[in-house]
Protein backbone atom coordinates (compact mmCIF):
# COMPACT_ATOMS: atom_id res chain seq x y z
CA MET A 1 203.29 39.65 -37.90
CA ASN A 2 201.61 40.18 -34.25
CA ARG A 3 198.05 39.43 -34.54
CA PRO A 4 195.42 39.01 -31.74
CA LEU A 5 193.51 35.22 -32.06
CA PRO A 6 190.11 35.86 -33.35
CA PRO A 7 187.98 34.98 -30.23
CA TRP A 8 185.50 33.11 -32.53
CA PHE A 9 188.49 30.48 -33.13
CA ASP A 10 188.80 29.78 -29.18
CA ASP A 11 184.97 30.35 -28.63
CA ALA A 12 184.09 27.36 -31.46
CA LYS A 13 186.01 24.25 -29.65
CA LEU A 14 185.02 21.94 -32.25
CA GLY A 15 185.62 21.56 -36.01
CA ILE A 16 185.26 18.53 -38.31
CA PHE A 17 187.93 17.84 -40.63
CA VAL A 18 186.92 15.92 -44.31
CA HIS A 19 189.39 14.18 -45.77
CA TRP A 20 188.09 13.03 -49.15
CA THR A 21 190.45 11.99 -51.67
CA ALA A 22 190.71 9.21 -54.23
CA ALA A 23 192.10 6.88 -51.50
CA ALA A 24 188.76 6.29 -50.55
CA VAL A 25 188.54 4.06 -53.70
CA PRO A 26 191.37 1.62 -52.48
CA ALA A 27 190.41 2.71 -49.30
CA PHE A 28 193.33 0.14 -47.43
CA ALA A 29 195.69 1.01 -45.16
CA PRO A 30 196.90 -1.62 -41.83
CA ILE A 31 195.27 -0.51 -38.91
CA SER A 32 197.96 0.60 -35.78
CA GLU A 33 198.85 3.15 -34.02
CA SER A 34 199.46 6.61 -35.04
CA PRO A 35 202.33 7.11 -37.04
CA PHE A 36 203.68 9.25 -34.41
CA ASP A 37 203.79 6.44 -32.28
CA LEU A 38 205.29 3.97 -34.20
CA ALA A 39 207.70 6.45 -35.17
CA ALA A 40 209.02 6.58 -31.52
CA GLU A 41 208.70 2.75 -31.16
CA GLY A 42 210.27 1.68 -34.77
CA GLY A 43 211.32 4.72 -36.35
CA TRP A 44 209.85 6.42 -39.35
CA ALA A 45 211.04 4.49 -41.94
CA GLU A 46 208.76 1.73 -39.92
CA ALA A 47 206.05 4.79 -39.81
CA MET A 48 206.05 4.90 -43.69
CA ARG A 49 205.92 1.58 -43.93
CA SER A 50 202.93 0.77 -41.92
CA SER A 51 201.07 3.99 -42.13
CA PRO A 52 197.62 3.77 -40.65
CA TYR A 53 196.59 7.16 -43.06
CA VAL A 54 194.80 6.09 -46.08
CA GLU A 55 195.23 8.95 -47.86
CA TRP A 56 199.00 8.62 -47.38
CA TYR A 57 198.19 5.08 -50.09
CA GLN A 58 200.02 6.58 -53.17
CA ASN A 59 203.13 6.57 -50.99
CA SER A 60 202.68 3.63 -49.00
CA ILE A 61 202.32 1.19 -52.19
CA ALA A 62 205.26 2.37 -53.58
CA ILE A 63 207.21 1.17 -50.42
CA GLU A 64 208.06 -2.31 -51.03
CA GLY A 65 206.93 -4.95 -48.79
CA SER A 66 204.67 -2.78 -47.32
CA PRO A 67 201.35 -4.31 -46.09
CA ALA A 68 199.70 -1.64 -48.37
CA ALA A 69 201.95 -2.42 -51.25
CA GLN A 70 200.95 -6.36 -50.38
CA HIS A 71 197.40 -5.53 -50.52
CA HIS A 72 198.05 -3.30 -53.93
CA ALA A 73 199.31 -6.42 -55.62
CA GLU A 74 196.78 -9.07 -54.52
CA VAL A 75 193.40 -7.22 -54.55
CA HIS A 76 194.23 -4.52 -57.54
CA GLY A 77 196.47 -6.31 -59.61
CA ASN A 78 199.26 -3.46 -59.36
CA ARG A 79 196.89 -1.02 -61.32
CA PRO A 80 198.43 2.42 -61.27
CA TYR A 81 196.96 5.09 -59.14
CA ASP A 82 195.50 6.58 -62.19
CA ASP A 83 192.82 4.22 -62.24
CA PHE A 84 191.95 5.40 -58.49
CA VAL A 85 191.61 9.13 -59.64
CA ALA A 86 189.59 8.80 -62.35
CA GLN A 87 186.87 6.44 -60.81
CA PHE A 88 186.62 9.02 -57.73
CA LEU A 89 185.92 12.07 -60.12
CA ALA A 90 183.76 10.49 -62.40
CA GLY A 91 181.50 9.72 -59.01
CA HIS A 92 180.73 13.32 -57.79
CA ALA A 93 177.94 14.51 -60.17
CA GLY A 94 175.79 12.79 -57.68
CA TRP A 95 177.17 14.02 -54.40
CA GLN A 96 174.72 15.61 -52.16
CA PRO A 97 176.38 18.10 -49.78
CA GLU A 98 172.99 18.75 -47.54
CA PRO A 99 173.65 15.89 -45.51
CA TRP A 100 177.28 16.26 -44.44
CA ALA A 101 176.07 19.85 -43.50
CA ASP A 102 173.25 18.55 -41.39
CA LEU A 103 175.09 16.14 -39.43
CA PHE A 104 178.25 18.17 -38.90
CA GLU A 105 175.78 21.13 -37.25
CA GLN A 106 173.92 18.19 -35.01
CA ALA A 107 177.64 16.93 -34.26
CA GLY A 108 177.89 20.53 -32.55
CA ALA A 109 180.74 21.20 -35.15
CA GLN A 110 181.53 25.14 -35.60
CA TYR A 111 183.61 25.16 -38.29
CA VAL A 112 184.32 22.66 -41.05
CA VAL A 113 187.66 22.00 -43.01
CA LEU A 114 187.60 20.53 -46.35
CA VAL A 115 190.79 18.99 -48.23
CA THR A 116 190.71 20.58 -51.26
CA LYS A 117 194.19 18.77 -52.52
CA HIS A 118 196.45 15.89 -50.48
CA HIS A 119 199.32 14.70 -51.18
CA ASP A 120 198.11 12.71 -54.47
CA GLY A 121 197.29 16.32 -55.97
CA VAL A 122 193.79 15.53 -56.89
CA LEU A 123 192.02 19.04 -57.14
CA LEU A 124 188.29 19.44 -55.42
CA TRP A 125 187.18 22.49 -57.25
CA PRO A 126 187.53 23.32 -61.20
CA SER A 127 191.10 25.52 -60.75
CA ALA A 128 191.76 28.34 -63.52
CA THR A 129 195.81 26.77 -62.66
CA PRO A 130 195.34 22.90 -63.85
CA ASN A 131 198.00 20.50 -62.80
CA PRO A 132 200.85 20.55 -65.41
CA HIS A 133 201.91 17.09 -64.84
CA LYS A 134 198.19 15.45 -64.76
CA PRO A 135 195.80 17.50 -66.59
CA ALA A 136 192.67 15.37 -65.46
CA TRP A 137 193.29 15.25 -61.88
CA GLY A 138 190.74 17.83 -61.02
CA SER A 139 186.95 17.79 -60.25
CA GLU A 140 184.86 19.66 -62.86
CA ARG A 141 182.29 19.59 -60.24
CA ASP A 142 183.17 22.75 -57.76
CA LEU A 143 183.06 20.67 -54.51
CA VAL A 144 184.61 23.35 -52.31
CA GLY A 145 182.01 26.09 -53.22
CA ASP A 146 179.13 23.32 -52.55
CA LEU A 147 180.16 22.05 -49.58
CA ALA A 148 181.06 25.77 -48.51
CA THR A 149 177.72 27.23 -49.20
CA ALA A 150 176.25 23.82 -47.45
CA VAL A 151 178.13 24.64 -44.34
CA ARG A 152 177.37 28.29 -43.99
CA ARG A 153 173.92 27.73 -44.54
CA HIS A 154 173.79 25.70 -41.39
CA HIS A 155 175.82 28.64 -39.42
CA MET A 156 178.91 27.11 -39.83
CA ARG A 157 182.26 28.67 -40.86
CA PHE A 158 184.28 26.76 -44.03
CA GLY A 159 187.94 26.41 -43.86
CA THR A 160 190.43 25.22 -46.75
CA TYR A 161 193.08 22.91 -46.02
CA TYR A 162 195.35 22.44 -48.72
CA SER A 163 198.95 20.24 -49.25
CA GLY A 164 201.33 22.92 -49.92
CA GLY A 165 204.46 21.05 -48.76
CA LEU A 166 203.57 17.74 -50.52
CA ASP A 167 202.70 17.07 -53.77
CA TRP A 168 203.74 13.64 -55.81
CA THR A 169 202.46 14.96 -59.13
CA PHE A 170 205.56 16.80 -58.74
CA GLY A 171 207.64 14.28 -57.63
CA GLY A 172 209.01 12.82 -54.44
CA LEU A 173 207.82 9.48 -54.21
CA PRO A 174 208.31 7.10 -52.81
CA MET A 175 209.15 8.54 -49.33
CA ARG A 176 210.23 6.18 -47.12
CA ASP A 177 211.50 8.22 -43.93
CA PHE A 178 211.02 11.59 -42.44
CA GLU A 179 214.11 12.84 -44.28
CA GLY A 180 212.79 11.74 -47.20
CA MET A 181 209.33 13.40 -46.48
CA ILE A 182 211.00 16.84 -45.93
CA ALA A 183 213.68 16.09 -49.47
CA ALA A 184 210.28 15.70 -51.30
CA ILE A 185 208.74 19.23 -50.79
CA PRO A 186 209.10 20.60 -54.00
CA GLN A 187 211.10 23.83 -54.26
CA SER A 188 211.16 24.49 -58.15
CA PRO A 189 209.94 27.82 -59.32
CA GLU A 190 207.09 26.15 -61.10
CA TYR A 191 205.09 24.29 -58.18
CA LEU A 192 206.09 27.37 -55.84
CA ALA A 193 203.58 29.32 -58.07
CA TYR A 194 201.38 26.37 -58.59
CA ALA A 195 200.62 26.44 -55.19
CA ASP A 196 200.79 30.14 -54.72
CA SER A 197 197.78 30.39 -57.48
CA HIS A 198 196.09 28.16 -56.19
CA TRP A 199 196.27 29.62 -52.14
CA ALA A 200 195.06 32.73 -54.30
CA GLU A 201 192.23 30.85 -55.85
CA LEU A 202 190.83 29.44 -52.59
CA ILE A 203 190.75 32.89 -50.69
CA GLU A 204 189.10 34.60 -53.39
CA ARG A 205 186.75 32.10 -54.58
CA TYR A 206 185.69 30.99 -51.13
CA GLN A 207 187.19 33.18 -48.32
CA PRO A 208 187.69 30.39 -46.18
CA ASP A 209 187.99 31.31 -42.17
CA VAL A 210 190.43 28.96 -41.61
CA LEU A 211 193.77 28.51 -43.86
CA TRP A 212 194.82 24.87 -43.50
CA ASN A 213 197.84 24.56 -44.63
CA ASP A 214 199.85 20.74 -44.22
CA ILE A 215 203.52 19.51 -44.38
CA GLY A 216 205.51 22.71 -45.46
CA TYR A 217 205.57 25.20 -47.98
CA PRO A 218 208.79 25.63 -50.79
CA ALA A 219 211.43 28.07 -49.03
CA ALA A 220 211.15 30.88 -51.52
CA ALA A 221 207.71 31.34 -50.82
CA ASP A 222 206.96 34.75 -49.34
CA LEU A 223 204.07 33.68 -46.58
CA ASP A 224 204.18 37.15 -44.68
CA GLY A 225 202.79 38.43 -48.23
CA LEU A 226 200.30 35.23 -48.29
CA PHE A 227 199.12 35.75 -44.87
CA GLU A 228 198.60 39.53 -45.76
CA ARG A 229 196.43 39.32 -48.57
CA TYR A 230 194.66 36.35 -46.87
CA TYR A 231 193.68 38.75 -43.82
CA GLN A 232 192.65 41.73 -46.03
CA ALA A 233 190.52 39.57 -47.71
CA VAL A 234 188.88 37.58 -44.05
CA PRO A 235 189.56 39.98 -41.82
CA ASP A 236 189.12 37.12 -39.12
CA GLY A 237 190.60 34.81 -40.49
CA VAL A 238 193.46 32.14 -38.58
CA VAL A 239 196.20 30.70 -40.16
CA ASN A 240 197.69 27.00 -38.91
CA ASN A 241 201.33 26.53 -38.23
CA ARG A 242 202.11 24.03 -41.27
CA PHE A 243 203.62 26.66 -43.76
CA ASP A 244 206.94 26.47 -42.02
CA TRP A 245 206.94 24.24 -39.14
CA MET A 246 210.36 25.27 -37.48
CA GLY A 247 209.83 28.74 -38.83
CA GLN A 248 206.09 29.07 -36.83
CA SER A 249 207.24 26.85 -34.08
CA ALA A 250 210.23 29.13 -33.17
CA GLY A 251 208.23 32.55 -33.64
CA VAL A 252 209.76 33.87 -36.57
CA VAL A 253 207.12 32.90 -38.67
CA HIS A 254 203.35 33.70 -37.81
CA CYS A 255 200.36 31.40 -37.41
CA ASP A 256 197.38 31.60 -35.71
CA PHE A 257 197.06 28.45 -33.74
CA VAL A 258 199.20 24.98 -33.81
CA THR A 259 198.51 21.81 -35.13
CA PRO A 260 199.37 18.57 -32.58
CA GLU A 261 197.88 15.46 -34.22
CA TYR A 262 196.40 12.46 -32.49
CA SER A 263 197.03 14.53 -28.90
CA ILE A 264 194.86 15.49 -26.35
CA THR A 265 197.97 17.86 -24.73
CA GLY A 266 199.17 21.54 -25.91
CA ASP A 267 201.13 24.27 -25.24
CA PRO A 268 199.06 25.93 -22.63
CA THR A 269 200.55 29.70 -23.67
CA ARG A 270 199.41 29.08 -27.09
CA LYS A 271 195.82 28.51 -28.99
CA TRP A 272 196.07 24.59 -30.27
CA GLU A 273 193.97 22.73 -32.05
CA SER A 274 194.17 18.87 -31.84
CA THR A 275 193.85 17.07 -35.14
CA ARG A 276 192.24 13.10 -35.29
CA GLY A 277 190.44 10.55 -37.10
CA ILE A 278 187.64 9.04 -35.56
CA GLY A 279 189.51 5.80 -36.34
CA THR A 280 193.23 5.25 -36.89
CA SER A 281 192.99 6.84 -40.58
CA PHE A 282 192.08 10.21 -41.58
CA GLY A 283 190.80 8.75 -45.15
CA TYR A 284 188.08 6.05 -45.18
CA ASN A 285 189.59 2.62 -44.34
CA ARG A 286 187.29 0.13 -45.31
CA ALA A 287 188.99 -2.32 -43.10
CA GLU A 288 187.73 -0.64 -39.77
CA SER A 289 185.32 -1.04 -37.58
CA ASP A 290 183.25 -0.27 -34.17
CA ALA A 291 186.34 -1.60 -32.76
CA SER A 292 188.70 0.28 -34.35
CA TYR A 293 186.84 3.45 -33.79
CA LEU A 294 186.89 5.66 -30.86
CA SER A 295 183.61 4.83 -28.73
CA ALA A 296 181.31 7.93 -28.21
CA ASP A 297 182.30 7.86 -24.44
CA ALA A 298 185.63 8.07 -25.55
CA LEU A 299 184.88 10.37 -28.01
CA VAL A 300 183.36 12.74 -25.24
CA GLY A 301 185.92 11.94 -22.49
CA MET A 302 188.79 13.21 -25.24
CA PHE A 303 186.96 16.24 -26.51
CA ILE A 304 186.11 17.40 -22.63
CA ASP A 305 190.28 17.20 -21.81
CA ILE A 306 191.08 19.18 -25.16
CA VAL A 307 188.51 21.61 -24.23
CA ALA A 308 189.98 21.79 -20.35
CA HIS A 309 193.45 22.20 -21.42
CA GLY A 310 192.63 25.25 -23.94
CA GLY A 311 192.21 23.33 -27.39
CA ASN A 312 190.20 22.59 -29.91
CA LEU A 313 189.40 19.38 -31.04
CA LEU A 314 189.61 19.29 -35.12
CA LEU A 315 187.57 15.40 -35.40
CA ASN A 316 188.19 14.07 -39.09
CA VAL A 317 184.97 12.17 -41.13
CA GLY A 318 186.73 9.74 -43.81
CA PRO A 319 183.45 9.48 -46.63
CA THR A 320 183.74 6.86 -48.82
CA ALA A 321 184.18 7.73 -52.18
CA ALA A 322 180.74 8.15 -53.40
CA GLY A 323 180.80 11.20 -50.73
CA VAL A 324 178.97 8.40 -48.10
CA ILE A 325 180.07 9.28 -44.29
CA PRO A 326 180.22 5.82 -42.77
CA TRP A 327 177.47 4.86 -40.40
CA ALA A 328 179.82 4.34 -37.57
CA GLN A 329 181.25 7.70 -37.89
CA ALA A 330 177.68 9.54 -38.33
CA GLN A 331 177.11 7.41 -34.87
CA ARG A 332 179.98 9.05 -32.91
CA LEU A 333 179.15 12.43 -34.38
CA LEU A 334 175.31 12.51 -33.61
CA ALA A 335 176.46 11.29 -29.92
CA LEU A 336 178.52 14.17 -29.31
CA GLY A 337 176.00 16.58 -30.29
CA TRP A 338 173.46 14.85 -27.99
CA TRP A 339 175.62 15.51 -25.47
CA LEU A 340 176.85 19.22 -26.28
CA ARG A 341 172.84 19.99 -26.47
CA THR A 342 172.57 19.78 -22.53
CA ASN A 343 176.51 20.13 -21.66
CA GLY A 344 177.65 22.81 -24.02
CA GLU A 345 177.30 25.76 -22.41
CA ALA A 346 181.03 24.35 -20.64
CA ILE A 347 182.60 24.36 -23.79
CA TYR A 348 181.47 26.62 -26.21
CA ARG A 349 182.93 30.59 -25.44
CA SER A 350 184.59 28.94 -22.56
CA ARG A 351 188.40 29.22 -21.11
CA ARG A 352 190.95 27.67 -19.51
CA TRP A 353 190.47 27.40 -15.58
CA SER A 354 193.84 27.78 -13.60
CA ARG A 355 193.54 24.08 -12.82
CA PRO A 356 191.85 22.07 -15.48
CA ALA A 357 191.90 18.80 -13.68
CA GLY A 358 190.31 17.38 -10.76
CA VAL A 359 189.03 14.31 -9.08
CA THR A 360 185.64 13.83 -6.92
CA GLY A 361 185.79 12.37 -3.78
CA GLU A 362 184.79 8.72 -5.10
CA GLY A 363 187.72 9.01 -7.63
CA HIS A 364 185.99 10.47 -10.68
CA PRO A 365 187.80 12.83 -12.83
CA VAL A 366 187.18 15.87 -12.59
CA ARG A 367 187.80 18.91 -16.09
CA PHE A 368 187.62 22.34 -15.51
CA THR A 369 186.28 24.98 -17.50
CA ALA A 370 185.27 28.97 -16.85
CA LYS A 371 182.87 31.44 -18.42
CA ASP A 372 182.81 35.07 -17.51
CA ASP A 373 182.10 34.65 -13.37
CA ALA A 374 181.28 30.71 -13.58
CA LEU A 375 183.32 27.83 -12.92
CA TYR A 376 182.01 24.21 -14.76
CA ALA A 377 182.91 21.09 -13.68
CA ILE A 378 182.92 18.22 -15.73
CA VAL A 379 182.68 15.02 -14.12
CA LYS A 380 183.62 12.14 -16.32
CA GLY A 381 181.41 9.15 -14.98
CA THR A 382 178.78 8.12 -13.14
CA PRO A 383 178.69 8.34 -8.84
CA SER A 384 177.57 6.04 -6.68
CA SER A 385 174.66 8.32 -5.39
CA ALA A 386 173.33 11.75 -5.92
CA GLN A 387 176.09 12.98 -3.93
CA VAL A 388 179.26 14.41 -5.38
CA GLU A 389 182.01 15.72 -3.59
CA LEU A 390 184.17 17.72 -5.64
CA ASP A 391 187.85 19.13 -4.60
CA VAL A 392 187.01 22.73 -5.24
CA GLN A 393 184.37 24.68 -2.84
CA PRO A 394 181.90 27.21 -3.77
CA PRO A 395 182.28 30.42 -2.33
CA PRO A 396 179.24 31.69 0.31
CA GLY A 397 175.95 32.74 -1.07
CA ALA A 398 177.13 30.60 -4.80
CA THR A 399 174.65 29.29 -6.84
CA VAL A 400 175.36 25.47 -7.90
CA THR A 401 173.46 24.24 -10.68
CA LEU A 402 173.31 21.02 -12.67
CA LEU A 403 173.27 21.54 -16.66
CA GLY A 404 169.86 20.69 -17.99
CA HIS A 405 168.13 20.58 -14.93
CA ASP A 406 166.68 24.22 -14.00
CA THR A 407 166.77 24.15 -9.85
CA PRO A 408 169.58 25.21 -7.91
CA LEU A 409 171.20 22.22 -6.02
CA PRO A 410 171.58 22.24 -2.40
CA TRP A 411 175.61 21.99 -1.32
CA GLN A 412 177.51 22.40 1.70
CA ASP A 413 181.29 22.49 1.93
CA SER A 414 182.14 20.40 -1.10
CA ARG A 415 179.56 18.44 -1.45
CA VAL A 416 176.88 19.06 -3.86
CA SER A 417 173.32 16.91 -3.75
CA LEU A 418 172.03 16.25 -7.16
CA PRO A 419 168.28 15.97 -8.35
CA CYS A 420 169.25 12.01 -8.55
CA ARG A 421 171.72 9.75 -8.88
CA PRO A 422 172.59 10.60 -12.73
CA SER A 423 172.43 7.21 -15.63
CA ALA A 424 175.34 6.06 -17.27
CA ALA A 425 176.76 8.64 -19.35
CA PRO A 426 180.57 9.97 -20.49
CA ALA A 427 180.09 12.55 -18.01
CA PHE A 428 177.35 15.53 -16.28
CA THR A 429 178.60 19.09 -15.57
CA ILE A 430 177.99 20.90 -12.38
CA LYS A 431 177.85 24.62 -12.61
CA ILE A 432 179.66 27.48 -9.79
CA THR A 433 178.40 30.95 -9.73
CA PRO A 434 180.50 33.09 -9.27
CA ALA A 435 183.49 30.62 -9.49
CA PRO A 436 185.55 29.74 -6.66
CA ASP A 437 188.97 31.42 -6.44
């Protein structure tokens, strides 16, 4: 399937991921490095045992001696996970989608992707195909539809995440290492029909702009058929690379973009989207605090790096079980949106320049983006004066401006004179028109 990437996705740059699962009731995971870093340092058995991802709680407590298993015994007396699911689903009646959508819009997001089913198998919409093993593990309220409506009312696109590769109601617990995770992908005709029917429902009911599958999919699936039906329903929709990691990485199975996790680098020859939490987990972790969350400055700086290298950021929020986005997470979203109010011109609809990074004469990092005939030099940090020496030189007759300031700036060679020394902030942007060669 040879299909160009719909421009809107490359233009968007910022999406919000929402992990709202039954694991938000116990809301515990050890605060540590990402599973990928844990695996690199101590192997996949350690990454699974000490996973910082709350949404993996059901698997973590099934691993004897894990931090989550110890917590579960001490705090919850080894209650069955079913109790958390019942409590989670019972709390949905009063949830309000509008505050979420309003916050995401203020953050500057252009699309939102909701987890409709995670690995525990709990559905966030009233499906016509209920779980054959856990019939009560589905929301009576259409949470997916309610959020989709609110998000689109705020002029953002809406996507659906679905864990096609893992569903622990069909078996697979515990997964102790990477090989165990791959072996846990259900391959039965029953599960394939179940997952296919759910994707068909999600596409028909919600017309998602993004199909975001996770972990994998049954090997017998007709993925080309699934994608063709999706594109017929949503012609400018996009599909991620997690239906078949190996096949999609090798280019023998279609995808529109790839999804490195907790990473700020990607393949410059392919569209990529970095996905991560504001902290060390995707799902809400009650143990996290300001100290374990990215600071506002770090978040803006990371986002700039991703965009300059051609990527999107799918930034996750983890609501509480009651559907409240924690204050510390909301603060960071609002800070990112405030920075984008001034500097968004250098971000949205921009493209990777021939050289993504540079440095000022004082040593401050610079990230470059390009659009039409303009170059944007995003300077990270605060110079010591109102003078900035870039490592690019505007062409003769160029107009140089500071985003957020209307008057053209004087410049000579590669030195630009700002209206005044900038205040402390994550970054500011100098625009050069026309762009240097």
